[in-house]
Amino acid sequence: MAPKTKFPIDDIVDAALAVVRRDGLENLTTRAIAGELRSSTMPIYSCGKTITEIEVAVVKRCWEILTGYQKKPLTKDIYIDMGLGYVLFAKHENHLFGCIHSSKHVALNKRHAEENFIHNLNRLKDYPPFAEITEELRLKIMMQGWIFCHGLADLLSKNLSGNLSCPQTDEELAGFVIDANKITYIGIKKTVEDNIKK
């Protein structure tokens, strides 16, 4: 059977995502995509998209995959699930995690990061622990939670966590994030109570 001479752009992006997932964004080339498609490079060159445009589509897909991880009901607590989803995305999809933090597409990743943050903040509109606090404090809590989860995620994605006796299994990570959230919650409760007393 003769090789295909044309592929839909979605097939090319799917193949590019598979390359990035396996080998990282730095190894995404037309030749690597062609290998994934079992084709020559000609269909990639003739799809009407440059390699940069294909990279942009892959970055967008990476953010969509992250959002899927953050929406999984893992602990029955939407706030914890967002942070835990971010951590598990880094653990299970370390090259995709690297892609959304790549210096190659800083402006694009910054825009997606802001959209992701706002999307998650909006999902917490009816979150009971946030009901009695100001929007300013809610933003601080979200930012501090993200910084904690990003640090943990970065350790896991770079396989540095083993040296620090960091939790490794998904269950251990869930417990770790839950415990960190409890500590944060105690601090928030004290802050709210102190403000009420004033």
C-alpha atoms as a PDB file:
ATOM      1  CA  MET A   1       0.000   0.000   0.000  1.00  0.00           C
ATOM      2  CA  ALA A   2       1.367   3.405  -0.982  1.00  0.00           C
ATOM      3  CA  PRO A   3       1.999   5.883   1.866  1.00  0.00           C
ATOM      4  CA  LYS A   4      -0.509   8.691   2.331  1.00  0.00           C
ATOM      5  CA  THR A   5       0.359  11.903   0.575  1.00  0.00           C
ATOM      6  CA  LYS A   6      -1.935  14.054   2.717  1.00  0.00           C
ATOM      7  CA  PHE A   7      -3.092  14.028   6.334  1.00  0.00           C
ATOM      8  CA  PRO A   8      -5.749  16.141   8.079  1.00  0.00           C
ATOM      9  CA  ILE A   9      -4.150  18.744  10.335  1.00  0.00           C
ATOM     10  CA  ASP A  10      -5.673  17.038  13.411  1.00  0.00           C
ATOM     11  CA  ASP A  11      -3.775  13.837  12.547  1.00  0.00           C
ATOM     12  CA  ILE A  12      -0.554  15.813  12.217  1.00  0.00           C
ATOM     13  CA  VAL A  13      -1.132  17.546  15.570  1.00  0.00           C
ATOM     14  CA  ASP A  14      -1.992  14.181  17.181  1.00  0.00           C
ATOM     15  CA  ALA A  15       1.284  12.768  15.853  1.00  0.00           C
ATOM     16  CA  ALA A  16       3.192  15.849  17.032  1.00  0.00           C
ATOM     17  CA  LEU A  17       1.622  15.503  20.499  1.00  0.00           C
ATOM     18  CA  ALA A  18       2.703  11.845  20.607  1.00  0.00           C
ATOM     19  CA  VAL A  19       6.279  12.898  19.782  1.00  0.00           C
ATOM     20  CA  VAL A  20       6.273  15.593  22.493  1.00  0.00           C
ATOM     21  CA  ARG A  21       4.691  13.227  25.014  1.00  0.00           C
ATOM     22  CA  ARG A  22       7.442  10.674  24.390  1.00  0.00           C
ATOM     23  CA  ASP A  23      10.515  12.812  23.592  1.00  0.00           C
ATOM     24  CA  GLY A  24       9.781  16.418  24.637  1.00  0.00           C
ATOM     25  CA  LEU A  25       9.119  19.607  22.689  1.00  0.00           C
ATOM     26  CA  GLU A  26      12.813  20.076  21.913  1.00  0.00           C
ATOM     27  CA  ASN A  27      12.692  16.916  19.773  1.00  0.00           C
ATOM     28  CA  LEU A  28       9.629  17.878  17.752  1.00  0.00           C
ATOM     29  CA  THR A  29      10.649  18.011  14.088  1.00  0.00           C
ATOM     30  CA  THR A  30       8.879  17.364  10.806  1.00  0.00           C
ATOM     31  CA  ARG A  31      10.960  14.172  10.503  1.00  0.00           C
ATOM     32  CA  ALA A  32       9.798  12.999  13.975  1.00  0.00           C
ATOM     33  CA  ILE A  33       6.154  13.740  13.083  1.00  0.00           C
ATOM     34  CA  ALA A  34       6.564  11.894   9.789  1.00  0.00           C
ATOM     35  CA  GLY A  35       7.998   8.915  11.672  1.00  0.00           C
ATOM     36  CA  GLU A  36       4.959   8.905  13.961  1.00  0.00           C
ATOM     37  CA  LEU A  37       2.670   8.985  10.899  1.00  0.00           C
ATOM     38  CA  ARG A  38       4.803   6.392   9.062  1.00  0.00           C
ATOM     39  CA  SER A  39       5.062   8.807   6.201  1.00  0.00           C
ATOM     40  CA  SER A  40       7.555  10.974   4.383  1.00  0.00           C
ATOM     41  CA  THR A  41       7.928  14.592   5.510  1.00  0.00           C
ATOM     42  CA  MET A  42       6.076  15.803   2.391  1.00  0.00           C
ATOM     43  CA  PRO A  43       2.545  15.592   3.922  1.00  0.00           C
ATOM     44  CA  ILE A  44       3.694  17.678   6.889  1.00  0.00           C
ATOM     45  CA  TYR A  45       5.217  20.314   4.633  1.00  0.00           C
ATOM     46  CA  SER A  46       2.092  20.339   2.444  1.00  0.00           C
ATOM     47  CA  CYS A  47      -0.446  20.637   5.316  1.00  0.00           C
ATOM     48  CA  GLY A  48      -0.313  24.442   5.140  1.00  0.00           C
ATOM     49  CA  LYS A  49       1.103  24.781   8.668  1.00  0.00           C
ATOM     50  CA  THR A  50       4.625  25.611   9.742  1.00  0.00           C
ATOM     51  CA  ILE A  51       6.377  23.637  12.481  1.00  0.00           C
ATOM     52  CA  THR A  52       5.853  26.663  14.749  1.00  0.00           C
ATOM     53  CA  GLU A  53       2.093  26.565  14.111  1.00  0.00           C
ATOM     54  CA  ILE A  54       2.083  22.841  14.853  1.00  0.00           C
ATOM     55  CA  GLU A  55       3.993  23.517  18.107  1.00  0.00           C
ATOM     56  CA  VAL A  56       1.399  26.140  19.070  1.00  0.00           C
ATOM     57  CA  ALA A  57      -1.388  23.583  18.507  1.00  0.00           C
ATOM     58  CA  VAL A  58       0.508  21.051  20.649  1.00  0.00           C
ATOM     59  CA  VAL A  59       0.965  23.587  23.459  1.00  0.00           C
ATOM     60  CA  LYS A  60      -2.792  24.251  23.395  1.00  0.00           C
ATOM     61  CA  ARG A  61      -3.480  20.507  23.594  1.00  0.00           C
ATOM     62  CA  CYS A  62      -1.099  20.201  26.566  1.00  0.00           C
ATOM     63  CA  TRP A  63      -3.086  22.848  28.450  1.00  0.00           C
ATOM     64  CA  GLU A  64      -6.331  21.020  27.588  1.00  0.00           C
ATOM     65  CA  ILE A  65      -4.880  17.776  28.965  1.00  0.00           C
ATOM     66  CA  LEU A  66      -3.812  19.583  32.153  1.00  0.00           C
ATOM     67  CA  THR A  67      -7.342  20.980  32.556  1.00  0.00           C
ATOM     68  CA  GLY A  68      -8.686  17.429  32.232  1.00  0.00           C
ATOM     69  CA  TYR A  69      -6.400  16.297  35.058  1.00  0.00           C
ATOM     70  CA  GLN A  70      -7.550  19.221  37.232  1.00  0.00           C
ATOM     71  CA  LYS A  71     -11.231  18.392  36.667  1.00  0.00           C
ATOM     72  CA  LYS A  72     -10.928  14.751  37.777  1.00  0.00           C
ATOM     73  CA  PRO A  73     -12.824  14.218  41.069  1.00  0.00           C
ATOM     74  CA  LEU A  74      -9.992  12.552  42.987  1.00  0.00           C
ATOM     75  CA  THR A  75     -10.674  13.597  46.602  1.00  0.00           C
ATOM     76  CA  LYS A  76     -14.223  15.022  46.550  1.00  0.00           C
ATOM     77  CA  ASP A  77     -12.723  18.475  47.224  1.00  0.00           C
ATOM     78  CA  ILE A  78     -12.619  20.600  44.079  1.00  0.00           C
ATOM     79  CA  TYR A  79      -9.822  22.870  45.360  1.00  0.00           C
ATOM     80  CA  ILE A  80      -7.558  19.970  46.320  1.00  0.00           C
ATOM     81  CA  ASP A  81      -8.388  18.186  43.053  1.00  0.00           C
ATOM     82  CA  MET A  82      -7.136  21.189  41.051  1.00  0.00           C
ATOM     83  CA  GLY A  83      -3.775  21.175  42.809  1.00  0.00           C
ATOM     84  CA  LEU A  84      -3.470  17.392  42.885  1.00  0.00           C
ATOM     85  CA  GLY A  85      -4.420  17.233  39.191  1.00  0.00           C
ATOM     86  CA  TYR A  86      -1.587  19.662  38.411  1.00  0.00           C
ATOM     87  CA  VAL A  87       0.873  17.515  40.401  1.00  0.00           C
ATOM     88  CA  LEU A  88      -0.289  14.256  38.784  1.00  0.00           C
ATOM     89  CA  PHE A  89      -0.115  15.835  35.313  1.00  0.00           C
ATOM     90  CA  ALA A  90       3.555  16.628  35.987  1.00  0.00           C
ATOM     91  CA  LYS A  91       4.190  13.121  37.306  1.00  0.00           C
ATOM     92  CA  HIS A  92       2.446  11.190  34.519  1.00  0.00           C
ATOM     93  CA  GLU A  93       3.036  13.596  31.616  1.00  0.00           C
ATOM     94  CA  ASN A  94       6.448  15.067  32.417  1.00  0.00           C
ATOM     95  CA  HIS A  95       7.219  16.050  28.807  1.00  0.00           C
ATOM     96  CA  LEU A  96       3.823  17.737  28.429  1.00  0.00           C
ATOM     97  CA  PHE A  97       4.443  19.514  31.740  1.00  0.00           C
ATOM     98  CA  GLY A  98       7.783  20.651  30.313  1.00  0.00           C
ATOM     99  CA  CYS A  99       5.988  21.862  27.183  1.00  0.00           C
ATOM    100  CA  ILE A 100       3.667  24.187  29.133  1.00  0.00           C
ATOM    101  CA  HIS A 101       6.720  25.663  30.857  1.00  0.00           C
ATOM    102  CA  SER A 102       8.953  25.805  27.809  1.00  0.00           C
ATOM    103  CA  SER A 103      10.948  28.968  27.187  1.00  0.00           C
ATOM    104  CA  LYS A 104      10.250  28.453  23.482  1.00  0.00           C
ATOM    105  CA  HIS A 105       6.660  29.734  23.715  1.00  0.00           C
ATOM    106  CA  VAL A 106       6.703  31.988  26.780  1.00  0.00           C
ATOM    107  CA  ALA A 107       3.967  34.430  25.719  1.00  0.00           C
ATOM    108  CA  LEU A 108       1.650  31.619  24.616  1.00  0.00           C
ATOM    109  CA  ASN A 109       2.164  29.630  27.822  1.00  0.00           C
ATOM    110  CA  LYS A 110       1.717  32.754  29.933  1.00  0.00           C
ATOM    111  CA  ARG A 111      -1.638  33.436  28.245  1.00  0.00           C
ATOM    112  CA  HIS A 112      -2.791  29.840  28.752  1.00  0.00           C
ATOM    113  CA  ALA A 113      -1.574  29.894  32.386  1.00  0.00           C
ATOM    114  CA  GLU A 114      -3.635  33.025  33.088  1.00  0.00           C
ATOM    115  CA  GLU A 115      -6.697  31.488  31.408  1.00  0.00           C
ATOM    116  CA  ASN A 116      -6.230  28.282  33.427  1.00  0.00           C
ATOM    117  CA  PHE A 117      -5.901  30.239  36.681  1.00  0.00           C
ATOM    118  CA  ILE A 118      -9.045  32.311  36.013  1.00  0.00           C
ATOM    119  CA  HIS A 119     -10.963  29.205  34.893  1.00  0.00           C
ATOM    120  CA  ASN A 120     -10.044  27.410  38.132  1.00  0.00           C
ATOM    121  CA  LEU A 121     -10.849  30.463  40.247  1.00  0.00           C
ATOM    122  CA  ASN A 122     -14.299  30.641  38.623  1.00  0.00           C
ATOM    123  CA  ARG A 123     -14.861  26.969  39.406  1.00  0.00           C
ATOM    124  CA  LEU A 124     -14.448  27.872  43.096  1.00  0.00           C
ATOM    125  CA  LYS A 125     -17.257  30.468  43.184  1.00  0.00           C
ATOM    126  CA  ASP A 126     -19.427  28.221  45.351  1.00  0.00           C
ATOM    127  CA  TYR A 127     -16.588  26.502  47.244  1.00  0.00           C
ATOM    128  CA  PRO A 128     -17.746  26.587  50.923  1.00  0.00           C
ATOM    129  CA  PRO A 129     -14.346  27.317  52.572  1.00  0.00           C
ATOM    130  CA  PHE A 130     -14.040  30.422  50.363  1.00  0.00           C
ATOM    131  CA  ALA A 131     -17.542  31.737  51.151  1.00  0.00           C
ATOM    132  CA  GLU A 132     -16.553  34.031  54.027  1.00  0.00           C
ATOM    133  CA  ILE A 133     -13.342  35.494  52.616  1.00  0.00           C
ATOM    134  CA  THR A 134     -12.629  38.444  50.372  1.00  0.00           C
ATOM    135  CA  GLU A 135     -11.745  38.073  46.721  1.00  0.00           C
ATOM    136  CA  GLU A 136      -8.275  39.426  47.505  1.00  0.00           C
ATOM    137  CA  LEU A 137      -7.669  36.690  50.081  1.00  0.00           C
ATOM    138  CA  ARG A 138      -9.114  34.084  47.708  1.00  0.00           C
ATOM    139  CA  LEU A 139      -6.574  35.143  45.064  1.00  0.00           C
ATOM    140  CA  LYS A 140      -3.728  34.944  47.599  1.00  0.00           C
ATOM    141  CA  ILE A 141      -4.787  31.451  48.645  1.00  0.00           C
ATOM    142  CA  MET A 142      -5.008  30.313  45.033  1.00  0.00           C
ATOM    143  CA  MET A 143      -1.571  31.748  44.246  1.00  0.00           C
ATOM    144  CA  GLN A 144       0.031  30.196  47.332  1.00  0.00           C
ATOM    145  CA  GLY A 145      -1.617  26.863  46.561  1.00  0.00           C
ATOM    146  CA  TRP A 146      -0.342  27.019  42.992  1.00  0.00           C
ATOM    147  CA  ILE A 147       3.202  27.846  44.154  1.00  0.00           C
ATOM    148  CA  PHE A 148       3.177  24.842  46.501  1.00  0.00           C
ATOM    149  CA  CYS A 149       1.777  22.495  43.846  1.00  0.00           C
ATOM    150  CA  HIS A 150       4.095  23.830  41.153  1.00  0.00           C
ATOM    151  CA  GLY A 151       7.125  23.210  43.355  1.00  0.00           C
ATOM    152  CA  LEU A 152       6.020  19.640  44.035  1.00  0.00           C
ATOM    153  CA  ALA A 153       5.110  19.099  40.380  1.00  0.00           C
ATOM    154  CA  ASP A 154       8.488  20.404  39.216  1.00  0.00           C
ATOM    155  CA  LEU A 155      10.310  18.031  41.577  1.00  0.00           C
ATOM    156  CA  LEU A 156       8.281  15.092  40.273  1.00  0.00           C
ATOM    157  CA  SER A 157       8.630  16.008  36.593  1.00  0.00           C
ATOM    158  CA  LYS A 158      12.434  16.190  36.908  1.00  0.00           C
ATOM    159  CA  ASN A 159      12.686  13.034  39.028  1.00  0.00           C
ATOM    160  CA  LEU A 160      14.278  14.996  41.870  1.00  0.00           C
ATOM    161  CA  SER A 161      11.711  14.073  44.506  1.00  0.00           C
ATOM    162  CA  GLY A 162      13.248  10.703  45.452  1.00  0.00           C
ATOM    163  CA  ASN A 163      16.220  12.428  47.061  1.00  0.00           C
ATOM    164  CA  LEU A 164      13.888  14.354  49.398  1.00  0.00           C
ATOM    165  CA  SER A 165      11.762  11.474  50.743  1.00  0.00           C
ATOM    166  CA  CYS A 166       8.865  12.979  48.823  1.00  0.00           C
ATOM    167  CA  PRO A 167       5.683  10.919  48.337  1.00  0.00           C
ATOM    168  CA  GLN A 168       5.797   8.898  45.117  1.00  0.00           C
ATOM    169  CA  THR A 169       2.527   7.042  44.523  1.00  0.00           C
ATOM    170  CA  ASP A 170      -0.652   8.848  43.467  1.00  0.00           C
ATOM    171  CA  GLU A 171      -2.233   7.941  46.833  1.00  0.00           C
ATOM    172  CA  GLU A 172       0.747   9.278  48.811  1.00  0.00           C
ATOM    173  CA  LEU A 173       0.703  12.473  46.749  1.00  0.00           C
ATOM    174  CA  ALA A 174      -3.026  12.908  47.404  1.00  0.00           C
ATOM    175  CA  GLY A 175      -2.429  12.596  51.153  1.00  0.00           C
ATOM    176  CA  PHE A 176       0.495  15.001  50.973  1.00  0.00           C
ATOM    177  CA  VAL A 177      -1.567  17.659  49.141  1.00  0.00           C
ATOM    178  CA  ILE A 178      -4.513  17.138  51.505  1.00  0.00           C
ATOM    179  CA  ASP A 179      -2.237  17.581  54.559  1.00  0.00           C
ATOM    180  CA  ALA A 180      -0.690  20.748  53.079  1.00  0.00           C
ATOM    181  CA  ASN A 181      -4.188  22.081  52.414  1.00  0.00           C
ATOM    182  CA  LYS A 182      -5.233  21.371  56.028  1.00  0.00           C
ATOM    183  CA  ILE A 183      -2.248  23.336  57.317  1.00  0.00           C
ATOM    184  CA  THR A 184      -3.118  26.207  54.965  1.00  0.00           C
ATOM    185  CA  TYR A 185      -6.786  26.057  55.991  1.00  0.00           C
ATOM    186  CA  ILE A 186      -5.882  26.329  59.694  1.00  0.00           C
ATOM    187  CA  GLY A 187      -3.855  29.449  58.880  1.00  0.00           C
ATOM    188  CA  ILE A 188      -6.677  30.963  56.792  1.00  0.00           C
ATOM    189  CA  LYS A 189      -9.240  30.272  59.518  1.00  0.00           C
ATOM    190  CA  LYS A 190      -7.029  31.998  62.085  1.00  0.00           C
ATOM    191  CA  THR A 191      -6.565  34.996  59.734  1.00  0.00           C
ATOM    192  CA  VAL A 192     -10.338  35.305  59.210  1.00  0.00           C
ATOM    193  CA  GLU A 193     -11.004  35.003  62.954  1.00  0.00           C
ATOM    194  CA  ASP A 194      -8.363  37.635  63.736  1.00  0.00           C
ATOM    195  CA  ASN A 195      -9.929  40.014  61.188  1.00  0.00           C
ATOM    196  CA  ILE A 196     -13.397  39.509  62.704  1.00  0.00           C
ATOM    197  CA  LYS A 197     -12.055  40.366  66.209  1.00  0.00           C
ATOM    198  CA  LYS A 198     -10.629  43.719  65.005  1.00  0.00           C
END
